[in-house]
Amino acid sequence: MLDAAARRVLDVPLARAAGALDRSWLSPDRLTAAGLVLGLGSAVAAGLQAWTAALVLWLVSRLADGLDGPLARRRRAAGAPGDAGSGGFFDITADFCVYGATVLGVAIGATRGFDAPWEPFAVVLLAYYVNGTAFLAFSSIAERSGRQLDDGRSLSFLGGLAEGTETIAVHALWLLLPAVAWQVAWVWAVVVAVSAAQRMVAGYRSLR
């Protein structure tokens, strides 16, 4: 829901940051890999109940994830040869790995440290699975049928109540307030489930 507004606010500063980071040894894929490693480190830290470290790693991970696209666009604008989509594939795969690992890490840390129930985190993972299936299936079929949505990203994204901006915020909230993470997880599971339903309906109608 907030991705479009976030991009309007962040596109310019992220492009400037990408310009400052534009060195021959730093590729967009390496930024994606850094975001993946940092995100997995955040999940491990959460599982160990090192909540402050987990929060810092999470935020830096998402910053790296936000910079790989602007750097890739900057390189293409300068005449560098593009790829056939490998960068976008790596990026979305890394995001799913990090999101799922973070849910698991928070679940382990919260159940051990605060005797939280594990069920809400399992429901969040189920909602992520359905939500991800809906928009990835739409992107693939829309590309094949010539009905893709172009907003500058590698895939055709159907908008929904829960998008990347909201996911980053909720995961940060879990790490900032781990004692109430399971209550937040119940609410978040409902939001993601509603978003999945929205995408299923919108995708079906768009492809008819």
N, C-alpha and C. Protein backbone atom coordinates (compact mmCIF):
# COMPACT_ATOMS: atom_id res chain seq x y z
N MET A 1 0.81 -1.20 0.00
CA MET A 1 0.00 0.00 0.00
C MET A 1 0.85 1.26 0.00
N LEU A 2 1.99 1.20 0.69
CA LEU A 2 2.83 2.39 0.84
C LEU A 2 4.04 2.41 -0.09
N ASP A 3 4.22 1.38 -0.90
CA ASP A 3 5.43 1.31 -1.73
C ASP A 3 5.55 2.48 -2.70
N ALA A 4 4.45 2.83 -3.36
CA ALA A 4 4.52 3.91 -4.34
C ALA A 4 4.91 5.23 -3.68
N ALA A 5 4.30 5.51 -2.53
CA ALA A 5 4.64 6.74 -1.81
C ALA A 5 6.08 6.70 -1.30
N ALA A 6 6.52 5.55 -0.82
CA ALA A 6 7.89 5.43 -0.33
C ALA A 6 8.89 5.64 -1.45
N ARG A 7 8.58 5.11 -2.65
CA ARG A 7 9.50 5.29 -3.77
C ARG A 7 9.59 6.77 -4.16
N ARG A 8 8.47 7.48 -4.11
CA ARG A 8 8.51 8.91 -4.45
C ARG A 8 9.42 9.67 -3.50
N VAL A 9 9.40 9.28 -2.24
CA VAL A 9 10.21 9.96 -1.23
C VAL A 9 11.67 9.53 -1.31
N LEU A 10 11.91 8.25 -1.56
CA LEU A 10 13.26 7.68 -1.43
C LEU A 10 14.03 7.57 -2.73
N ASP A 11 13.37 7.68 -3.87
CA ASP A 11 14.06 7.46 -5.14
C ASP A 11 15.28 8.37 -5.30
N VAL A 12 15.12 9.65 -5.01
CA VAL A 12 16.23 10.60 -5.21
C VAL A 12 17.37 10.34 -4.23
N PRO A 13 17.10 10.25 -2.91
CA PRO A 13 18.23 9.96 -2.01
C PRO A 13 18.90 8.62 -2.27
N LEU A 14 18.14 7.61 -2.65
CA LEU A 14 18.75 6.31 -2.95
C LEU A 14 19.60 6.39 -4.21
N ALA A 15 19.14 7.16 -5.20
CA ALA A 15 19.93 7.33 -6.42
C ALA A 15 21.24 8.05 -6.10
N ARG A 16 21.19 9.04 -5.23
CA ARG A 16 22.41 9.75 -4.83
C ARG A 16 23.35 8.83 -4.07
N ALA A 17 22.79 8.02 -3.17
CA ALA A 17 23.62 7.07 -2.42
C ALA A 17 24.25 6.05 -3.36
N ALA A 18 23.48 5.59 -4.36
CA ALA A 18 24.03 4.65 -5.34
C ALA A 18 25.17 5.29 -6.11
N GLY A 19 25.05 6.59 -6.42
CA GLY A 19 26.13 7.28 -7.10
C GLY A 19 27.38 7.34 -6.26
N ALA A 20 27.21 7.56 -4.95
CA ALA A 20 28.36 7.61 -4.06
C ALA A 20 29.03 6.25 -3.91
N LEU A 21 28.22 5.17 -4.08
CA LEU A 21 28.76 3.82 -3.94
C LEU A 21 29.24 3.22 -5.26
N ASP A 22 29.08 3.96 -6.35
CA ASP A 22 29.37 3.42 -7.67
C ASP A 22 30.87 3.25 -7.88
N ARG A 23 31.36 2.06 -7.55
CA ARG A 23 32.75 1.70 -7.74
C ARG A 23 32.81 0.44 -8.58
N SER A 24 33.90 0.25 -9.28
CA SER A 24 34.00 -0.89 -10.20
C SER A 24 33.87 -2.23 -9.49
N TRP A 25 34.31 -2.30 -8.26
CA TRP A 25 34.29 -3.57 -7.54
C TRP A 25 32.94 -3.89 -6.90
N LEU A 26 32.03 -2.91 -6.87
CA LEU A 26 30.74 -3.11 -6.21
C LEU A 26 29.64 -3.20 -7.27
N SER A 27 29.12 -4.38 -7.47
CA SER A 27 28.06 -4.60 -8.45
C SER A 27 26.71 -4.63 -7.75
N PRO A 28 25.62 -4.43 -8.49
CA PRO A 28 24.30 -4.57 -7.89
C PRO A 28 24.09 -5.95 -7.25
N ASP A 29 24.58 -7.00 -7.89
CA ASP A 29 24.42 -8.34 -7.32
C ASP A 29 25.17 -8.48 -6.00
N ARG A 30 26.31 -7.82 -5.89
CA ARG A 30 27.04 -7.88 -4.62
C ARG A 30 26.29 -7.13 -3.51
N LEU A 31 25.60 -6.06 -3.88
CA LEU A 31 24.77 -5.37 -2.90
C LEU A 31 23.61 -6.27 -2.46
N THR A 32 23.02 -6.96 -3.43
CA THR A 32 21.95 -7.90 -3.10
C THR A 32 22.46 -8.99 -2.17
N ALA A 33 23.65 -9.53 -2.47
CA ALA A 33 24.24 -10.57 -1.63
C ALA A 33 24.52 -10.05 -0.23
N ALA A 34 24.99 -8.80 -0.14
CA ALA A 34 25.24 -8.20 1.18
C ALA A 34 23.94 -8.08 1.97
N GLY A 35 22.87 -7.65 1.28
CA GLY A 35 21.58 -7.56 1.95
C GLY A 35 21.10 -8.92 2.43
N LEU A 36 21.34 -9.96 1.63
CA LEU A 36 20.95 -11.31 2.01
C LEU A 36 21.71 -11.78 3.24
N VAL A 37 23.02 -11.61 3.24
CA VAL A 37 23.84 -12.05 4.37
C VAL A 37 23.48 -11.28 5.64
N LEU A 38 23.32 -9.97 5.52
CA LEU A 38 22.96 -9.17 6.69
C LEU A 38 21.57 -9.54 7.21
N GLY A 39 20.64 -9.80 6.28
CA GLY A 39 19.29 -10.19 6.70
C GLY A 39 19.28 -11.53 7.42
N LEU A 40 20.05 -12.49 6.90
CA LEU A 40 20.14 -13.78 7.58
C LEU A 40 20.82 -13.63 8.93
N GLY A 41 21.80 -12.73 9.00
CA GLY A 41 22.45 -12.46 10.28
C GLY A 41 21.46 -11.87 11.27
N SER A 42 20.56 -11.02 10.80
CA SER A 42 19.52 -10.46 11.66
C SER A 42 18.63 -11.56 12.21
N ALA A 43 18.26 -12.52 11.35
CA ALA A 43 17.42 -13.61 11.80
C ALA A 43 18.11 -14.45 12.87
N VAL A 44 19.39 -14.73 12.66
CA VAL A 44 20.15 -15.49 13.66
C VAL A 44 20.23 -14.73 14.98
N ALA A 45 20.50 -13.42 14.89
CA ALA A 45 20.58 -12.61 16.10
C ALA A 45 19.25 -12.60 16.85
N ALA A 46 18.14 -12.53 16.10
CA ALA A 46 16.83 -12.56 16.75
C ALA A 46 16.61 -13.89 17.45
N GLY A 47 17.00 -14.98 16.80
CA GLY A 47 16.86 -16.29 17.43
C GLY A 47 17.67 -16.41 18.71
N LEU A 48 18.80 -15.69 18.76
CA LEU A 48 19.64 -15.68 19.95
C LEU A 48 19.23 -14.61 20.95
N GLN A 49 18.16 -13.88 20.63
CA GLN A 49 17.61 -12.81 21.48
C GLN A 49 18.55 -11.62 21.60
N ALA A 50 19.40 -11.43 20.62
CA ALA A 50 20.24 -10.22 20.55
C ALA A 50 19.46 -9.19 19.74
N TRP A 51 18.45 -8.61 20.36
CA TRP A 51 17.44 -7.84 19.64
C TRP A 51 17.99 -6.57 19.02
N THR A 52 18.86 -5.86 19.72
CA THR A 52 19.41 -4.62 19.16
C THR A 52 20.26 -4.91 17.93
N ALA A 53 21.11 -5.93 18.02
CA ALA A 53 21.93 -6.32 16.87
C ALA A 53 21.05 -6.76 15.71
N ALA A 54 19.98 -7.50 16.02
CA ALA A 54 19.07 -7.96 14.98
C ALA A 54 18.41 -6.79 14.27
N LEU A 55 18.01 -5.78 15.04
CA LEU A 55 17.37 -4.60 14.45
C LEU A 55 18.33 -3.84 13.55
N VAL A 56 19.56 -3.63 14.01
CA VAL A 56 20.55 -2.90 13.20
C VAL A 56 20.85 -3.67 11.92
N LEU A 57 21.06 -4.98 12.03
CA LEU A 57 21.35 -5.79 10.85
C LEU A 57 20.17 -5.77 9.88
N TRP A 58 18.96 -5.82 10.42
CA TRP A 58 17.77 -5.78 9.57
C TRP A 58 17.70 -4.48 8.76
N LEU A 59 17.89 -3.35 9.44
CA LEU A 59 17.77 -2.06 8.76
C LEU A 59 18.88 -1.87 7.72
N VAL A 60 20.10 -2.28 8.06
CA VAL A 60 21.20 -2.15 7.09
C VAL A 60 20.97 -3.10 5.92
N SER A 61 20.44 -4.28 6.21
CA SER A 61 20.11 -5.24 5.16
C SER A 61 19.11 -4.65 4.17
N ARG A 62 18.08 -4.02 4.69
CA ARG A 62 17.05 -3.44 3.81
C ARG A 62 17.58 -2.22 3.06
N LEU A 63 18.54 -1.52 3.64
CA LEU A 63 19.17 -0.41 2.93
C LEU A 63 19.96 -0.94 1.73
N ALA A 64 20.71 -2.01 1.94
CA ALA A 64 21.45 -2.62 0.83
C ALA A 64 20.49 -3.11 -0.25
N ASP A 65 19.38 -3.68 0.18
CA ASP A 65 18.38 -4.15 -0.77
C ASP A 65 17.77 -2.99 -1.57
N GLY A 66 17.66 -1.83 -0.92
CA GLY A 66 17.10 -0.68 -1.61
C GLY A 66 18.07 -0.01 -2.56
N LEU A 67 19.35 -0.31 -2.44
CA LEU A 67 20.37 0.35 -3.27
C LEU A 67 20.76 -0.45 -4.51
N ASP A 68 20.46 -1.74 -4.54
CA ASP A 68 20.91 -2.53 -5.70
C ASP A 68 20.20 -2.11 -6.98
N GLY A 69 18.91 -1.82 -6.89
CA GLY A 69 18.17 -1.38 -8.07
C GLY A 69 18.65 -0.05 -8.62
N PRO A 70 18.77 1.00 -7.78
CA PRO A 70 19.29 2.27 -8.27
C PRO A 70 20.69 2.16 -8.87
N LEU A 71 21.54 1.32 -8.28
CA LEU A 71 22.88 1.15 -8.83
C LEU A 71 22.81 0.47 -10.21
N ALA A 72 21.94 -0.53 -10.35
CA ALA A 72 21.79 -1.20 -11.64
C ALA A 72 21.28 -0.23 -12.70
N ARG A 73 20.30 0.61 -12.33
CA ARG A 73 19.77 1.58 -13.30
C ARG A 73 20.82 2.61 -13.66
N ARG A 74 21.63 3.00 -12.70
CA ARG A 74 22.70 3.96 -12.98
C ARG A 74 23.71 3.36 -13.96
N ARG A 75 24.06 2.10 -13.77
CA ARG A 75 25.02 1.44 -14.66
C ARG A 75 24.44 1.32 -16.09
N ARG A 76 23.16 0.97 -16.18
CA ARG A 76 22.54 0.86 -17.51
C ARG A 76 22.49 2.21 -18.21
N ALA A 77 22.18 3.26 -17.45
CA ALA A 77 22.12 4.60 -18.03
C ALA A 77 23.49 5.04 -18.54
N ALA A 78 24.55 4.53 -17.91
CA ALA A 78 25.91 4.87 -18.33
C ALA A 78 26.39 4.01 -19.49
N GLY A 79 25.53 3.09 -19.95
CA GLY A 79 25.89 2.27 -21.10
C GLY A 79 26.40 0.89 -20.78
N ALA A 80 26.37 0.51 -19.52
CA ALA A 80 26.83 -0.84 -19.17
C ALA A 80 25.84 -1.87 -19.69
N PRO A 81 26.32 -3.02 -20.14
CA PRO A 81 25.39 -4.04 -20.64
C PRO A 81 24.50 -4.56 -19.52
N GLY A 82 23.22 -4.72 -19.82
CA GLY A 82 22.29 -5.25 -18.83
C GLY A 82 22.29 -6.77 -18.84
N ASP A 83 21.53 -7.36 -17.92
CA ASP A 83 21.39 -8.81 -17.91
C ASP A 83 20.00 -9.17 -18.42
N ALA A 84 19.73 -10.44 -18.49
CA ALA A 84 18.44 -10.91 -18.99
C ALA A 84 17.42 -11.06 -17.87
N GLY A 85 17.72 -10.51 -16.71
CA GLY A 85 16.81 -10.61 -15.58
C GLY A 85 17.39 -11.31 -14.38
N SER A 86 18.68 -11.70 -14.46
CA SER A 86 19.28 -12.43 -13.34
C SER A 86 19.32 -11.59 -12.07
N GLY A 87 19.57 -10.29 -12.23
CA GLY A 87 19.63 -9.42 -11.05
C GLY A 87 18.30 -9.34 -10.34
N GLY A 88 17.23 -9.17 -11.11
CA GLY A 88 15.90 -9.12 -10.50
C GLY A 88 15.52 -10.44 -9.85
N PHE A 89 15.89 -11.55 -10.51
CA PHE A 89 15.62 -12.87 -9.95
C PHE A 89 16.34 -13.06 -8.62
N PHE A 90 17.62 -12.69 -8.59
CA PHE A 90 18.40 -12.82 -7.36
C PHE A 90 17.81 -11.95 -6.27
N ASP A 91 17.39 -10.74 -6.63
CA ASP A 91 16.86 -9.80 -5.65
C ASP A 91 15.59 -10.32 -4.99
N ILE A 92 14.63 -10.79 -5.78
CA ILE A 92 13.37 -11.24 -5.19
C ILE A 92 13.57 -12.53 -4.41
N THR A 93 14.46 -13.41 -4.88
CA THR A 93 14.74 -14.64 -4.16
C THR A 93 15.40 -14.34 -2.81
N ALA A 94 16.34 -13.40 -2.82
CA ALA A 94 17.00 -13.00 -1.57
C ALA A 94 16.00 -12.39 -0.60
N ASP A 95 15.08 -11.57 -1.11
CA ASP A 95 14.05 -10.97 -0.25
C ASP A 95 13.22 -12.04 0.44
N PHE A 96 12.78 -13.03 -0.32
CA PHE A 96 11.95 -14.09 0.27
C PHE A 96 12.74 -14.87 1.32
N CYS A 97 14.01 -15.13 1.05
CA CYS A 97 14.85 -15.82 2.04
C CYS A 97 14.94 -15.02 3.33
N VAL A 98 15.18 -13.73 3.19
CA VAL A 98 15.35 -12.87 4.37
C VAL A 98 14.05 -12.73 5.14
N TYR A 99 12.95 -12.51 4.43
CA TYR A 99 11.66 -12.35 5.12
C TYR A 99 11.29 -13.61 5.89
N GLY A 100 11.41 -14.76 5.25
CA GLY A 100 11.07 -16.00 5.92
C GLY A 100 11.98 -16.30 7.09
N ALA A 101 13.29 -16.07 6.89
CA ALA A 101 14.24 -16.33 7.97
C ALA A 101 14.00 -15.42 9.16
N THR A 102 13.63 -14.17 8.89
CA THR A 102 13.38 -13.24 9.99
C THR A 102 12.17 -13.65 10.80
N VAL A 103 11.10 -14.08 10.12
CA VAL A 103 9.93 -14.57 10.86
C VAL A 103 10.33 -15.74 11.76
N LEU A 104 11.12 -16.67 11.22
CA LEU A 104 11.55 -17.83 12.00
C LEU A 104 12.44 -17.40 13.16
N GLY A 105 13.38 -16.48 12.90
CA GLY A 105 14.27 -16.02 13.95
C GLY A 105 13.53 -15.33 15.08
N VAL A 106 12.59 -14.46 14.72
CA VAL A 106 11.80 -13.77 15.75
C VAL A 106 10.95 -14.79 16.53
N ALA A 107 10.38 -15.75 15.83
CA ALA A 107 9.57 -16.78 16.50
C ALA A 107 10.40 -17.54 17.52
N ILE A 108 11.61 -17.94 17.13
CA ILE A 108 12.48 -18.67 18.07
C ILE A 108 12.85 -17.80 19.26
N GLY A 109 13.28 -16.56 18.99
CA GLY A 109 13.68 -15.68 20.07
C GLY A 109 12.53 -15.33 21.00
N ALA A 110 11.36 -15.06 20.44
CA ALA A 110 10.21 -14.66 21.26
C ALA A 110 9.66 -15.83 22.07
N THR A 111 9.65 -17.04 21.49
CA THR A 111 9.14 -18.18 22.25
C THR A 111 10.10 -18.56 23.38
N ARG A 112 11.40 -18.41 23.14
CA ARG A 112 12.36 -18.75 24.19
C ARG A 112 12.47 -17.66 25.24
N GLY A 113 12.43 -16.40 24.80
CA GLY A 113 12.67 -15.30 25.73
C GLY A 113 11.43 -14.80 26.44
N PHE A 114 10.26 -14.92 25.79
CA PHE A 114 9.04 -14.34 26.37
C PHE A 114 7.89 -15.33 26.43
N ASP A 115 8.20 -16.61 26.24
CA ASP A 115 7.19 -17.67 26.29
C ASP A 115 6.02 -17.38 25.34
N ALA A 116 6.34 -16.79 24.19
CA ALA A 116 5.32 -16.45 23.21
C ALA A 116 4.86 -17.71 22.48
N PRO A 117 3.60 -17.75 22.03
CA PRO A 117 3.15 -18.89 21.22
C PRO A 117 3.76 -18.82 19.83
N TRP A 118 3.96 -19.97 19.23
CA TRP A 118 4.56 -20.00 17.89
C TRP A 118 3.54 -19.90 16.78
N GLU A 119 2.26 -20.14 17.11
CA GLU A 119 1.23 -20.21 16.07
C GLU A 119 1.11 -18.93 15.22
N PRO A 120 1.14 -17.73 15.81
CA PRO A 120 0.99 -16.55 14.94
C PRO A 120 2.09 -16.41 13.90
N PHE A 121 3.29 -16.82 14.24
CA PHE A 121 4.40 -16.73 13.29
C PHE A 121 4.23 -17.76 12.17
N ALA A 122 3.70 -18.94 12.51
CA ALA A 122 3.41 -19.94 11.49
C ALA A 122 2.34 -19.43 10.53
N VAL A 123 1.34 -18.74 11.06
CA VAL A 123 0.28 -18.19 10.21
C VAL A 123 0.85 -17.10 9.30
N VAL A 124 1.77 -16.29 9.83
CA VAL A 124 2.42 -15.27 8.99
C VAL A 124 3.15 -15.94 7.83
N LEU A 125 3.89 -17.01 8.10
CA LEU A 125 4.61 -17.71 7.03
C LEU A 125 3.64 -18.27 5.99
N LEU A 126 2.51 -18.81 6.44
CA LEU A 126 1.51 -19.31 5.50
C LEU A 126 0.98 -18.16 4.64
N ALA A 127 0.68 -17.03 5.27
CA ALA A 127 0.17 -15.88 4.52
C ALA A 127 1.21 -15.37 3.53
N TYR A 128 2.50 -15.36 3.93
CA TYR A 128 3.57 -14.98 3.00
C TYR A 128 3.60 -15.93 1.80
N TYR A 129 3.44 -17.21 2.08
CA TYR A 129 3.49 -18.21 1.01
C TYR A 129 2.39 -17.96 -0.03
N VAL A 130 1.17 -17.75 0.46
CA VAL A 130 0.05 -17.52 -0.46
C VAL A 130 0.22 -16.18 -1.18
N ASN A 131 0.60 -15.15 -0.45
CA ASN A 131 0.78 -13.83 -1.03
C ASN A 131 1.87 -13.84 -2.10
N GLY A 132 3.00 -14.47 -1.81
CA GLY A 132 4.09 -14.54 -2.76
C GLY A 132 3.71 -15.35 -3.99
N THR A 133 2.98 -16.45 -3.78
CA THR A 133 2.54 -17.26 -4.91
C THR A 133 1.65 -16.44 -5.83
N ALA A 134 0.75 -15.65 -5.25
CA ALA A 134 -0.19 -14.87 -6.05
C ALA A 134 0.53 -13.86 -6.93
N PHE A 135 1.46 -13.08 -6.35
CA PHE A 135 2.05 -12.04 -7.19
C PHE A 135 3.14 -12.58 -8.12
N LEU A 136 3.82 -13.66 -7.73
CA LEU A 136 4.81 -14.23 -8.64
C LEU A 136 4.14 -14.95 -9.81
N ALA A 137 3.04 -15.65 -9.53
CA ALA A 137 2.31 -16.30 -10.61
C ALA A 137 1.73 -15.26 -11.57
N PHE A 138 1.20 -14.18 -11.01
CA PHE A 138 0.68 -13.12 -11.88
C PHE A 138 1.78 -12.54 -12.74
N SER A 139 2.94 -12.26 -12.15
CA SER A 139 4.03 -11.66 -12.90
C SER A 139 4.45 -12.55 -14.07
N SER A 140 4.55 -13.86 -13.84
CA SER A 140 4.96 -14.78 -14.88
C SER A 140 3.94 -14.86 -16.01
N ILE A 141 2.67 -15.02 -15.65
CA ILE A 141 1.63 -15.17 -16.66
C ILE A 141 1.39 -13.85 -17.39
N ALA A 142 1.45 -12.73 -16.65
CA ALA A 142 1.26 -11.43 -17.29
C ALA A 142 2.36 -11.15 -18.30
N GLU A 143 3.58 -11.54 -17.99
CA GLU A 143 4.69 -11.36 -18.92
C GLU A 143 4.46 -12.16 -20.19
N ARG A 144 4.01 -13.38 -20.05
CA ARG A 144 3.79 -14.25 -21.21
C ARG A 144 2.63 -13.77 -22.07
N SER A 145 1.61 -13.17 -21.42
CA SER A 145 0.43 -12.74 -22.15
C SER A 145 0.46 -11.28 -22.57
N GLY A 146 1.57 -10.60 -22.26
CA GLY A 146 1.70 -9.20 -22.66
C GLY A 146 0.88 -8.24 -21.82
N ARG A 147 0.55 -8.62 -20.59
CA ARG A 147 -0.26 -7.76 -19.73
C ARG A 147 0.52 -7.33 -18.48
N GLN A 148 1.84 -7.31 -18.58
CA GLN A 148 2.65 -6.98 -17.43
C GLN A 148 2.45 -5.53 -17.00
N LEU A 149 2.68 -5.27 -15.73
CA LEU A 149 2.59 -3.94 -15.15
C LEU A 149 4.01 -3.42 -14.97
N ASP A 150 4.32 -2.28 -15.55
CA ASP A 150 5.69 -1.75 -15.52
C ASP A 150 5.75 -0.54 -14.60
N ASP A 151 6.35 -0.74 -13.42
CA ASP A 151 6.57 0.39 -12.51
C ASP A 151 8.06 0.59 -12.24
N GLY A 152 8.89 0.07 -13.16
CA GLY A 152 10.33 0.22 -13.02
C GLY A 152 11.02 -0.93 -12.33
N ARG A 153 10.24 -1.87 -11.77
CA ARG A 153 10.84 -3.02 -11.10
C ARG A 153 10.91 -4.20 -12.06
N SER A 154 11.65 -5.22 -11.64
CA SER A 154 11.91 -6.36 -12.53
C SER A 154 10.66 -7.19 -12.77
N LEU A 155 9.75 -7.22 -11.80
CA LEU A 155 8.56 -8.05 -11.90
C LEU A 155 7.32 -7.17 -11.96
N SER A 156 6.22 -7.74 -12.44
CA SER A 156 4.93 -7.05 -12.42
C SER A 156 4.32 -7.23 -11.04
N PHE A 157 4.27 -6.17 -10.26
CA PHE A 157 3.77 -6.25 -8.91
C PHE A 157 2.33 -5.78 -8.85
N LEU A 158 1.44 -6.63 -8.35
CA LEU A 158 0.09 -6.22 -8.04
C LEU A 158 0.10 -5.54 -6.68
N GLY A 159 -0.48 -4.36 -6.61
CA GLY A 159 -0.54 -3.65 -5.33
C GLY A 159 -1.39 -4.40 -4.33
N GLY A 160 -1.17 -4.12 -3.07
CA GLY A 160 -1.95 -4.76 -2.03
C GLY A 160 -1.81 -4.03 -0.72
N LEU A 161 -2.54 -4.48 0.27
CA LEU A 161 -2.50 -3.85 1.58
C LEU A 161 -1.12 -3.99 2.22
N ALA A 162 -0.48 -5.14 2.01
CA ALA A 162 0.85 -5.40 2.56
C ALA A 162 1.86 -5.46 1.43
N GLU A 163 2.81 -4.54 1.44
CA GLU A 163 3.86 -4.50 0.43
C GLU A 163 5.20 -4.45 1.14
N GLY A 164 6.26 -4.14 0.39
CA GLY A 164 7.59 -4.18 0.98
C GLY A 164 7.79 -3.19 2.11
N THR A 165 7.25 -1.98 1.96
CA THR A 165 7.43 -0.96 2.99
C THR A 165 6.83 -1.40 4.31
N GLU A 166 5.59 -1.92 4.25
CA GLU A 166 4.94 -2.38 5.47
C GLU A 166 5.67 -3.56 6.09
N THR A 167 6.20 -4.44 5.24
CA THR A 167 6.93 -5.61 5.75
C THR A 167 8.18 -5.19 6.50
N ILE A 168 8.92 -4.25 5.93
CA ILE A 168 10.12 -3.75 6.61
C ILE A 168 9.76 -3.14 7.96
N ALA A 169 8.67 -2.36 8.00
CA ALA A 169 8.27 -1.70 9.24
C ALA A 169 7.84 -2.70 10.30
N VAL A 170 7.05 -3.70 9.90
CA VAL A 170 6.55 -4.68 10.88
C VAL A 170 7.70 -5.53 11.41
N HIS A 171 8.60 -5.96 10.55
CA HIS A 171 9.73 -6.76 11.02
C HIS A 171 10.61 -5.94 11.96
N ALA A 172 10.78 -4.66 11.66
CA ALA A 172 11.54 -3.80 12.57
C ALA A 172 10.83 -3.66 13.91
N LEU A 173 9.50 -3.56 13.87
CA LEU A 173 8.72 -3.45 15.11
C LEU A 173 8.88 -4.70 15.97
N TRP A 174 8.88 -5.87 15.33
CA TRP A 174 9.12 -7.11 16.07
C TRP A 174 10.44 -7.06 16.83
N LEU A 175 11.46 -6.58 16.15
CA LEU A 175 12.80 -6.57 16.76
C LEU A 175 12.94 -5.46 17.80
N LEU A 176 12.17 -4.40 17.62
CA LEU A 176 12.21 -3.31 18.59
C LEU A 176 11.40 -3.65 19.85
N LEU A 177 10.30 -4.38 19.67
CA LEU A 177 9.42 -4.72 20.79
C LEU A 177 9.16 -6.23 20.79
N PRO A 178 10.18 -7.03 21.04
CA PRO A 178 10.01 -8.48 20.92
C PRO A 178 9.02 -9.08 21.91
N ALA A 179 8.80 -8.41 23.03
CA ALA A 179 7.88 -8.95 24.03
C ALA A 179 6.45 -9.02 23.52
N VAL A 180 6.11 -8.16 22.57
CA VAL A 180 4.75 -8.17 22.02
C VAL A 180 4.76 -8.62 20.55
N ALA A 181 5.84 -9.25 20.13
CA ALA A 181 5.96 -9.65 18.72
C ALA A 181 4.85 -10.60 18.29
N TRP A 182 4.44 -11.50 19.19
CA TRP A 182 3.43 -12.47 18.78
C TRP A 182 2.06 -11.82 18.59
N GLN A 183 1.75 -10.79 19.39
CA GLN A 183 0.49 -10.08 19.18
C GLN A 183 0.51 -9.32 17.85
N VAL A 184 1.66 -8.69 17.57
CA VAL A 184 1.81 -8.00 16.29
C VAL A 184 1.70 -8.99 15.14
N ALA A 185 2.24 -10.19 15.35
CA ALA A 185 2.21 -11.21 14.30
C ALA A 185 0.79 -11.61 13.93
N TRP A 186 -0.10 -11.70 14.93
CA TRP A 186 -1.49 -12.04 14.61
C TRP A 186 -2.11 -10.98 13.71
N VAL A 187 -1.90 -9.71 14.05
CA VAL A 187 -2.45 -8.62 13.25
C VAL A 187 -1.84 -8.63 11.85
N TRP A 188 -0.53 -8.82 11.80
CA TRP A 188 0.18 -8.81 10.52
C TRP A 188 -0.26 -9.97 9.64
N ALA A 189 -0.52 -11.12 10.23
CA ALA A 189 -0.98 -12.28 9.46
C ALA A 189 -2.31 -11.97 8.78
N VAL A 190 -3.20 -11.29 9.49
CA VAL A 190 -4.49 -10.91 8.90
C VAL A 190 -4.29 -9.93 7.76
N VAL A 191 -3.41 -8.94 7.97
CA VAL A 191 -3.15 -7.94 6.93
C VAL A 191 -2.58 -8.60 5.68
N VAL A 192 -1.62 -9.50 5.85
CA VAL A 192 -1.01 -10.17 4.70
C VAL A 192 -2.02 -11.08 4.01
N ALA A 193 -2.87 -11.75 4.80
CA ALA A 193 -3.89 -12.61 4.21
C ALA A 193 -4.89 -11.81 3.38
N VAL A 194 -5.27 -10.64 3.88
CA VAL A 194 -6.17 -9.76 3.11
C VAL A 194 -5.48 -9.33 1.82
N SER A 195 -4.20 -8.98 1.93
CA SER A 195 -3.44 -8.58 0.75
C SER A 195 -3.36 -9.72 -0.26
N ALA A 196 -3.16 -10.94 0.22
CA ALA A 196 -3.11 -12.09 -0.68
C ALA A 196 -4.44 -12.26 -1.40
N ALA A 197 -5.53 -12.11 -0.67
CA ALA A 197 -6.85 -12.22 -1.29
C ALA A 197 -7.05 -11.13 -2.34
N GLN A 198 -6.63 -9.92 -2.02
CA GLN A 198 -6.72 -8.82 -2.99
C GLN A 198 -5.96 -9.17 -4.27
N ARG A 199 -4.76 -9.67 -4.12
CA ARG A 199 -3.93 -9.99 -5.29
C ARG A 199 -4.53 -11.13 -6.10
N MET A 200 -5.09 -12.11 -5.42
CA MET A 200 -5.71 -13.22 -6.14
C MET A 200 -6.87 -12.73 -6.99
N VAL A 201 -7.72 -11.89 -6.42
CA VAL A 201 -8.88 -11.37 -7.15
C VAL A 201 -8.43 -10.44 -8.27
N ALA A 202 -7.53 -9.50 -7.94
CA ALA A 202 -7.07 -8.52 -8.94
C ALA A 202 -6.33 -9.21 -10.08
N GLY A 203 -5.48 -10.18 -9.75
CA GLY A 203 -4.74 -10.89 -10.77
C GLY A 203 -5.64 -11.69 -11.69
N TYR A 204 -6.64 -12.37 -11.10
CA TYR A 204 -7.57 -13.15 -11.90
C TYR A 204 -8.35 -12.25 -12.87
N ARG A 205 -8.82 -11.13 -12.35
CA ARG A 205 -9.58 -10.20 -13.20
C ARG A 205 -8.72 -9.59 -14.29
N SER A 206 -7.48 -9.27 -13.94
CA SER A 206 -6.59 -8.63 -14.91
C SER A 206 -6.22 -9.57 -16.05
N LEU A 207 -6.18 -10.87 -15.78
CA LEU A 207 -5.74 -11.83 -16.78
C LEU A 207 -6.89 -12.48 -17.55
N ARG A 208 -8.12 -12.11 -17.26
CA ARG A 208 -9.27 -12.70 -17.97
C ARG A 208 -9.32 -12.22 -19.41
